[in-house]
Amino acid sequence: MKVIYFVHDQLENPFLRQHFLESSGYQVVSMASGQRCLELCSERVPSLVLMDVLIEGKNGFEICRAIRKRFAPDELPVILCSEVYRSRLFRDEAISAGAQRYLLKPVRLDELVREVNEVLAVGSQGRVGGPAAA
């Protein structure tokens, strides 16, 4: 079973996204801290990191950069999500940080699973994408 580390916005209830991913066949390890994600990656490398940009401590862009220092995109893909940072500037920041996708929230749950499936299927050949930012 593929494992997803889900680093969520601490002000948001992650239950729906987590439950939908689990019901789609993924094992989901949920956390509110990017630092905790990095620690867990040292113990066990997940199949994918799904991370909100606004998280406890360092933001999702910074954590993605830290992941890229240790893992190539085909070793550990990252999907970043944001409800606040919607402009093309932030999408470009996600690309620069090494994310395979940048999704704007709210994202439909079926669309989230489709993006996760695509990134995991394509691996390092994945495009950064999702809904076009203004």
N, C-alpha and C. Protein backbone atom coordinates (compact mmCIF):
# COMPACT_ATOMS: atom_id res chain seq x y z
N MET A 1 0.85 -1.19 0.00
CA MET A 1 0.00 0.00 0.00
C MET A 1 0.89 1.24 0.00
N LYS A 2 0.55 2.20 -0.84
CA LYS A 2 1.33 3.43 -0.93
C LYS A 2 1.00 4.34 0.25
N VAL A 3 2.05 4.94 0.80
CA VAL A 3 1.92 5.79 1.99
C VAL A 3 2.06 7.25 1.60
N ILE A 4 1.13 8.06 2.10
CA ILE A 4 1.16 9.51 1.88
C ILE A 4 1.36 10.19 3.23
N TYR A 5 2.38 11.05 3.30
CA TYR A 5 2.52 11.94 4.46
C TYR A 5 1.73 13.19 4.13
N PHE A 6 0.72 13.47 4.94
CA PHE A 6 -0.21 14.58 4.70
C PHE A 6 0.05 15.65 5.76
N VAL A 7 0.68 16.74 5.34
CA VAL A 7 0.99 17.85 6.24
C VAL A 7 -0.05 18.93 5.98
N HIS A 8 -0.94 19.10 6.95
CA HIS A 8 -2.10 19.96 6.74
C HIS A 8 -2.03 21.25 7.53
N ASP A 9 -2.78 22.20 7.06
CA ASP A 9 -2.95 23.49 7.72
C ASP A 9 -3.51 23.22 9.12
N GLN A 10 -2.86 23.76 10.13
CA GLN A 10 -3.27 23.49 11.51
C GLN A 10 -4.65 24.07 11.84
N LEU A 11 -5.14 25.02 11.06
CA LEU A 11 -6.45 25.61 11.32
C LEU A 11 -7.57 24.87 10.60
N GLU A 12 -7.21 23.90 9.81
CA GLU A 12 -8.18 23.18 9.00
C GLU A 12 -8.38 21.77 9.56
N ASN A 13 -9.59 21.26 9.46
CA ASN A 13 -9.83 19.87 9.82
C ASN A 13 -9.46 19.00 8.61
N PRO A 14 -8.45 18.17 8.74
CA PRO A 14 -7.98 17.38 7.60
C PRO A 14 -8.77 16.10 7.35
N PHE A 15 -9.80 15.85 8.16
CA PHE A 15 -10.48 14.56 8.12
C PHE A 15 -11.00 14.18 6.73
N LEU A 16 -11.68 15.09 6.04
CA LEU A 16 -12.27 14.73 4.74
C LEU A 16 -11.22 14.33 3.72
N ARG A 17 -10.16 15.13 3.60
CA ARG A 17 -9.11 14.78 2.63
C ARG A 17 -8.45 13.46 3.00
N GLN A 18 -8.16 13.30 4.29
CA GLN A 18 -7.51 12.07 4.73
C GLN A 18 -8.42 10.86 4.48
N HIS A 19 -9.66 10.97 4.86
CA HIS A 19 -10.61 9.86 4.70
C HIS A 19 -10.77 9.49 3.22
N PHE A 20 -10.89 10.49 2.35
CA PHE A 20 -11.06 10.22 0.92
C PHE A 20 -9.83 9.54 0.34
N LEU A 21 -8.65 9.97 0.74
CA LEU A 21 -7.42 9.32 0.27
C LEU A 21 -7.34 7.88 0.77
N GLU A 22 -7.70 7.66 2.03
CA GLU A 22 -7.68 6.31 2.59
C GLU A 22 -8.70 5.41 1.88
N SER A 23 -9.87 5.95 1.61
CA SER A 23 -10.89 5.15 0.92
C SER A 23 -10.51 4.90 -0.54
N SER A 24 -9.51 5.62 -1.04
CA SER A 24 -8.99 5.41 -2.40
C SER A 24 -7.80 4.46 -2.40
N GLY A 25 -7.50 3.88 -1.25
CA GLY A 25 -6.46 2.85 -1.20
C GLY A 25 -5.11 3.28 -0.69
N TYR A 26 -4.99 4.48 -0.16
CA TYR A 26 -3.71 4.95 0.37
C TYR A 26 -3.69 4.87 1.89
N GLN A 27 -2.50 4.64 2.43
CA GLN A 27 -2.30 4.78 3.87
C GLN A 27 -1.86 6.22 4.08
N VAL A 28 -2.53 6.95 4.96
CA VAL A 28 -2.26 8.37 5.17
C VAL A 28 -1.76 8.60 6.58
N VAL A 29 -0.61 9.25 6.69
CA VAL A 29 -0.06 9.66 7.97
C VAL A 29 -0.21 11.17 8.02
N SER A 30 -1.08 11.64 8.92
CA SER A 30 -1.43 13.05 8.99
C SER A 30 -0.63 13.76 10.07
N MET A 31 -0.21 15.00 9.78
CA MET A 31 0.54 15.80 10.74
C MET A 31 0.38 17.27 10.40
N ALA A 32 0.61 18.14 11.37
CA ALA A 32 0.47 19.59 11.15
C ALA A 32 1.81 20.30 11.03
N SER A 33 2.92 19.57 11.15
CA SER A 33 4.24 20.18 11.17
C SER A 33 5.11 19.65 10.04
N GLY A 34 5.69 20.57 9.27
CA GLY A 34 6.63 20.18 8.24
C GLY A 34 7.89 19.57 8.83
N GLN A 35 8.31 20.06 9.99
CA GLN A 35 9.49 19.49 10.64
C GLN A 35 9.25 18.02 10.99
N ARG A 36 8.05 17.73 11.46
CA ARG A 36 7.70 16.33 11.78
C ARG A 36 7.75 15.47 10.51
N CYS A 37 7.31 16.02 9.40
CA CYS A 37 7.38 15.31 8.13
C CYS A 37 8.83 14.96 7.78
N LEU A 38 9.72 15.93 7.92
CA LEU A 38 11.13 15.68 7.63
C LEU A 38 11.70 14.60 8.53
N GLU A 39 11.32 14.64 9.81
CA GLU A 39 11.79 13.62 10.75
C GLU A 39 11.30 12.24 10.34
N LEU A 40 10.03 12.14 9.98
CA LEU A 40 9.47 10.85 9.58
C LEU A 40 10.08 10.35 8.27
N CYS A 41 10.42 11.27 7.37
CA CYS A 41 11.07 10.87 6.11
C CYS A 41 12.43 10.22 6.38
N SER A 42 13.08 10.59 7.47
CA SER A 42 14.35 9.98 7.83
C SER A 42 14.16 8.54 8.31
N GLU A 43 12.99 8.27 8.87
CA GLU A 43 12.69 6.92 9.38
C GLU A 43 12.12 6.02 8.29
N ARG A 44 11.21 6.57 7.49
CA ARG A 44 10.55 5.80 6.43
C ARG A 44 10.15 6.76 5.32
N VAL A 45 10.61 6.51 4.12
CA VAL A 45 10.30 7.38 2.99
C VAL A 45 8.91 7.00 2.47
N PRO A 46 7.98 7.97 2.45
CA PRO A 46 6.64 7.68 1.95
C PRO A 46 6.63 7.61 0.42
N SER A 47 5.49 7.28 -0.13
CA SER A 47 5.33 7.29 -1.59
C SER A 47 5.17 8.71 -2.11
N LEU A 48 4.62 9.60 -1.26
CA LEU A 48 4.32 10.97 -1.68
C LEU A 48 4.10 11.83 -0.44
N VAL A 49 4.43 13.12 -0.56
CA VAL A 49 4.10 14.10 0.48
C VAL A 49 3.05 15.05 -0.11
N LEU A 50 1.92 15.16 0.58
CA LEU A 50 0.86 16.10 0.25
C LEU A 50 0.89 17.15 1.33
N MET A 51 1.17 18.42 0.97
CA MET A 51 1.43 19.42 2.00
C MET A 51 0.77 20.75 1.67
N ASP A 52 0.12 21.32 2.66
CA ASP A 52 -0.39 22.68 2.54
C ASP A 52 0.78 23.64 2.66
N VAL A 53 0.66 24.82 2.07
CA VAL A 53 1.72 25.82 2.16
C VAL A 53 1.75 26.44 3.55
N LEU A 54 0.58 26.78 4.09
CA LEU A 54 0.52 27.37 5.43
C LEU A 54 0.45 26.26 6.47
N ILE A 55 1.59 25.96 7.07
CA ILE A 55 1.67 24.92 8.09
C ILE A 55 2.47 25.45 9.28
N GLU A 56 2.45 24.71 10.35
CA GLU A 56 3.18 25.09 11.56
C GLU A 56 4.68 25.16 11.26
N GLY A 57 5.35 26.19 11.77
CA GLY A 57 6.79 26.33 11.57
C GLY A 57 7.10 26.81 10.17
N LYS A 58 8.11 26.21 9.54
CA LYS A 58 8.48 26.59 8.18
C LYS A 58 7.31 26.31 7.24
N ASN A 59 7.17 27.16 6.21
CA ASN A 59 6.05 26.96 5.28
C ASN A 59 6.32 25.78 4.33
N GLY A 60 5.30 25.43 3.57
CA GLY A 60 5.39 24.28 2.67
C GLY A 60 6.47 24.43 1.61
N PHE A 61 6.71 25.65 1.12
CA PHE A 61 7.77 25.86 0.15
C PHE A 61 9.14 25.51 0.75
N GLU A 62 9.36 25.96 1.98
CA GLU A 62 10.65 25.69 2.65
C GLU A 62 10.82 24.20 2.93
N ILE A 63 9.77 23.54 3.36
CA ILE A 63 9.86 22.11 3.64
C ILE A 63 10.08 21.33 2.34
N CYS A 64 9.43 21.75 1.27
CA CYS A 64 9.65 21.11 -0.03
C CYS A 64 11.11 21.24 -0.46
N ARG A 65 11.69 22.41 -0.26
CA ARG A 65 13.12 22.59 -0.59
C ARG A 65 14.00 21.66 0.25
N ALA A 66 13.67 21.51 1.52
CA ALA A 66 14.43 20.61 2.39
C ALA A 66 14.29 19.16 1.93
N ILE A 67 13.11 18.80 1.48
CA ILE A 67 12.90 17.44 0.95
C ILE A 67 13.75 17.26 -0.30
N ARG A 68 13.79 18.26 -1.18
CA ARG A 68 14.56 18.15 -2.42
C ARG A 68 16.06 18.04 -2.17
N LYS A 69 16.55 18.57 -1.05
CA LYS A 69 17.97 18.44 -0.72
C LYS A 69 18.32 16.98 -0.40
N ARG A 70 17.33 16.21 0.01
CA ARG A 70 17.56 14.82 0.42
C ARG A 70 17.04 13.79 -0.58
N PHE A 71 16.00 14.16 -1.35
CA PHE A 71 15.35 13.19 -2.24
C PHE A 71 15.07 13.81 -3.60
N ALA A 72 15.36 13.06 -4.65
CA ALA A 72 15.00 13.48 -6.00
C ALA A 72 13.49 13.35 -6.18
N PRO A 73 12.93 14.07 -7.15
CA PRO A 73 11.47 14.00 -7.37
C PRO A 73 10.95 12.59 -7.61
N ASP A 74 11.73 11.74 -8.29
CA ASP A 74 11.25 10.38 -8.53
C ASP A 74 11.36 9.50 -7.29
N GLU A 75 12.16 9.92 -6.31
CA GLU A 75 12.25 9.19 -5.03
C GLU A 75 11.13 9.59 -4.08
N LEU A 76 10.76 10.87 -4.10
CA LEU A 76 9.74 11.37 -3.19
C LEU A 76 9.02 12.57 -3.82
N PRO A 77 7.92 12.31 -4.52
CA PRO A 77 7.15 13.43 -5.10
C PRO A 77 6.42 14.24 -4.03
N VAL A 78 6.22 15.52 -4.34
CA VAL A 78 5.54 16.44 -3.42
C VAL A 78 4.42 17.16 -4.17
N ILE A 79 3.26 17.23 -3.53
CA ILE A 79 2.15 18.05 -4.02
C ILE A 79 1.91 19.13 -2.97
N LEU A 80 1.99 20.39 -3.38
CA LEU A 80 1.69 21.51 -2.49
C LEU A 80 0.28 22.02 -2.77
N CYS A 81 -0.40 22.47 -1.71
CA CYS A 81 -1.77 23.01 -1.81
C CYS A 81 -1.85 24.33 -1.06
N SER A 82 -2.69 25.23 -1.58
CA SER A 82 -2.91 26.48 -0.88
C SER A 82 -4.27 27.06 -1.21
N GLU A 83 -4.86 27.64 -0.22
CA GLU A 83 -6.11 28.37 -0.42
C GLU A 83 -5.82 29.88 -0.49
N VAL A 84 -4.74 30.30 0.13
CA VAL A 84 -4.42 31.72 0.24
C VAL A 84 -3.52 32.19 -0.91
N TYR A 85 -2.48 31.44 -1.19
CA TYR A 85 -1.49 31.86 -2.20
C TYR A 85 -1.92 31.38 -3.58
N ARG A 86 -2.66 32.22 -4.31
CA ARG A 86 -3.34 31.80 -5.52
C ARG A 86 -2.69 32.32 -6.81
N SER A 87 -1.78 33.24 -6.74
CA SER A 87 -1.25 33.84 -7.97
C SER A 87 -0.19 32.95 -8.63
N ARG A 88 0.09 33.27 -9.89
CA ARG A 88 1.11 32.54 -10.64
C ARG A 88 2.47 32.62 -9.95
N LEU A 89 2.74 33.70 -9.25
CA LEU A 89 3.99 33.85 -8.51
C LEU A 89 4.20 32.68 -7.55
N PHE A 90 3.14 32.29 -6.86
CA PHE A 90 3.26 31.20 -5.89
C PHE A 90 3.34 29.84 -6.58
N ARG A 91 2.67 29.71 -7.72
CA ARG A 91 2.80 28.48 -8.51
C ARG A 91 4.25 28.34 -8.96
N ASP A 92 4.84 29.44 -9.42
CA ASP A 92 6.25 29.43 -9.82
C ASP A 92 7.16 29.09 -8.64
N GLU A 93 6.80 29.59 -7.46
CA GLU A 93 7.56 29.27 -6.25
C GLU A 93 7.51 27.77 -5.96
N ALA A 94 6.35 27.16 -6.18
CA ALA A 94 6.21 25.71 -5.98
C ALA A 94 7.12 24.94 -6.94
N ILE A 95 7.17 25.39 -8.20
CA ILE A 95 8.05 24.76 -9.19
C ILE A 95 9.50 24.89 -8.74
N SER A 96 9.87 26.08 -8.34
CA SER A 96 11.23 26.35 -7.89
C SER A 96 11.60 25.50 -6.67
N ALA A 97 10.64 25.28 -5.80
CA ALA A 97 10.89 24.49 -4.58
C ALA A 97 11.00 22.99 -4.88
N GLY A 98 10.49 22.57 -6.04
CA GLY A 98 10.62 21.16 -6.42
C GLY A 98 9.33 20.35 -6.34
N ALA A 99 8.19 21.02 -6.24
CA ALA A 99 6.92 20.29 -6.19
C ALA A 99 6.50 19.81 -7.58
N GLN A 100 5.83 18.66 -7.62
CA GLN A 100 5.31 18.15 -8.88
C GLN A 100 3.97 18.79 -9.25
N ARG A 101 3.22 19.22 -8.24
CA ARG A 101 1.93 19.86 -8.47
C ARG A 101 1.73 20.98 -7.45
N TYR A 102 0.94 21.98 -7.85
CA TYR A 102 0.50 23.05 -6.94
C TYR A 102 -1.00 23.18 -7.14
N LEU A 103 -1.76 22.75 -6.14
CA LEU A 103 -3.21 22.74 -6.22
C LEU A 103 -3.81 23.87 -5.41
N LEU A 104 -4.82 24.50 -5.99
CA LEU A 104 -5.52 25.56 -5.28
C LEU A 104 -6.73 24.98 -4.57
N LYS A 105 -6.87 25.32 -3.29
CA LYS A 105 -8.00 24.86 -2.49
C LYS A 105 -9.10 25.91 -2.55
N PRO A 106 -10.33 25.52 -2.42
CA PRO A 106 -10.72 24.13 -2.16
C PRO A 106 -10.58 23.30 -3.43
N VAL A 107 -10.05 22.11 -3.25
CA VAL A 107 -9.91 21.17 -4.36
C VAL A 107 -10.93 20.06 -4.15
N ARG A 108 -11.61 19.69 -5.22
CA ARG A 108 -12.57 18.59 -5.11
C ARG A 108 -11.82 17.33 -4.73
N LEU A 109 -12.40 16.51 -3.90
CA LEU A 109 -11.73 15.31 -3.41
C LEU A 109 -11.39 14.34 -4.54
N ASP A 110 -12.27 14.18 -5.50
CA ASP A 110 -11.97 13.30 -6.62
C ASP A 110 -10.82 13.85 -7.46
N GLU A 111 -10.73 15.17 -7.58
CA GLU A 111 -9.62 15.80 -8.30
C GLU A 111 -8.31 15.61 -7.54
N LEU A 112 -8.35 15.71 -6.23
CA LEU A 112 -7.16 15.48 -5.41
C LEU A 112 -6.63 14.07 -5.63
N VAL A 113 -7.51 13.09 -5.57
CA VAL A 113 -7.09 11.69 -5.77
C VAL A 113 -6.56 11.49 -7.19
N ARG A 114 -7.18 12.12 -8.17
CA ARG A 114 -6.69 12.01 -9.55
C ARG A 114 -5.27 12.57 -9.66
N GLU A 115 -5.02 13.72 -9.04
CA GLU A 115 -3.69 14.32 -9.07
C GLU A 115 -2.67 13.43 -8.36
N VAL A 116 -3.03 12.89 -7.21
CA VAL A 116 -2.13 11.98 -6.48
C VAL A 116 -1.82 10.76 -7.35
N ASN A 117 -2.85 10.16 -7.94
CA ASN A 117 -2.65 8.99 -8.79
C ASN A 117 -1.72 9.31 -9.96
N GLU A 118 -1.93 10.47 -10.59
CA GLU A 118 -1.09 10.87 -11.72
C GLU A 118 0.36 11.05 -11.32
N VAL A 119 0.58 11.76 -10.23
CA VAL A 119 1.96 12.00 -9.78
C VAL A 119 2.65 10.68 -9.44
N LEU A 120 1.95 9.80 -8.77
CA LEU A 120 2.56 8.52 -8.42
C LEU A 120 2.79 7.64 -9.64
N ALA A 121 1.93 7.73 -10.64
CA ALA A 121 2.07 6.93 -11.85
C ALA A 121 3.19 7.46 -12.75
N VAL A 122 3.31 8.77 -12.82
CA VAL A 122 4.25 9.39 -13.73
C VAL A 122 5.64 9.52 -13.12
N GLY A 123 5.70 9.69 -11.79
CA GLY A 123 7.00 9.83 -11.13
C GLY A 123 7.68 11.13 -11.50
N SER A 124 8.94 11.06 -11.80
CA SER A 124 9.72 12.26 -12.04
C SER A 124 9.37 12.97 -13.34
N GLN A 125 8.58 12.35 -14.20
CA GLN A 125 8.19 13.00 -15.46
C GLN A 125 6.96 13.87 -15.29
N GLY A 126 6.40 13.94 -14.05
CA GLY A 126 5.17 14.71 -13.81
C GLY A 126 5.37 16.20 -14.03
N ARG A 127 4.31 16.83 -14.43
CA ARG A 127 4.33 18.28 -14.62
C ARG A 127 3.83 18.95 -13.36
N VAL A 128 4.27 20.16 -13.11
CA VAL A 128 3.66 20.94 -12.05
C VAL A 128 2.40 21.51 -12.65
N GLY A 129 1.30 21.39 -11.94
CA GLY A 129 0.06 21.84 -12.55
C GLY A 129 -1.05 22.01 -11.56
N GLY A 130 -2.22 21.65 -11.99
CA GLY A 130 -3.42 21.89 -11.23
C GLY A 130 -4.11 23.08 -11.83
N PRO A 131 -5.13 23.59 -11.16
CA PRO A 131 -5.84 24.74 -11.70
C PRO A 131 -4.90 25.92 -11.95
N ALA A 132 -5.03 26.55 -13.07
CA ALA A 132 -4.15 27.66 -13.40
C ALA A 132 -4.32 28.81 -12.43
N ALA A 133 -3.21 29.30 -11.93
CA ALA A 133 -3.23 30.44 -11.02
C ALA A 133 -3.29 31.71 -11.84
N ALA A 134 -3.93 32.72 -11.27
CA ALA A 134 -4.07 34.01 -11.97
C ALA A 134 -2.76 34.74 -12.05
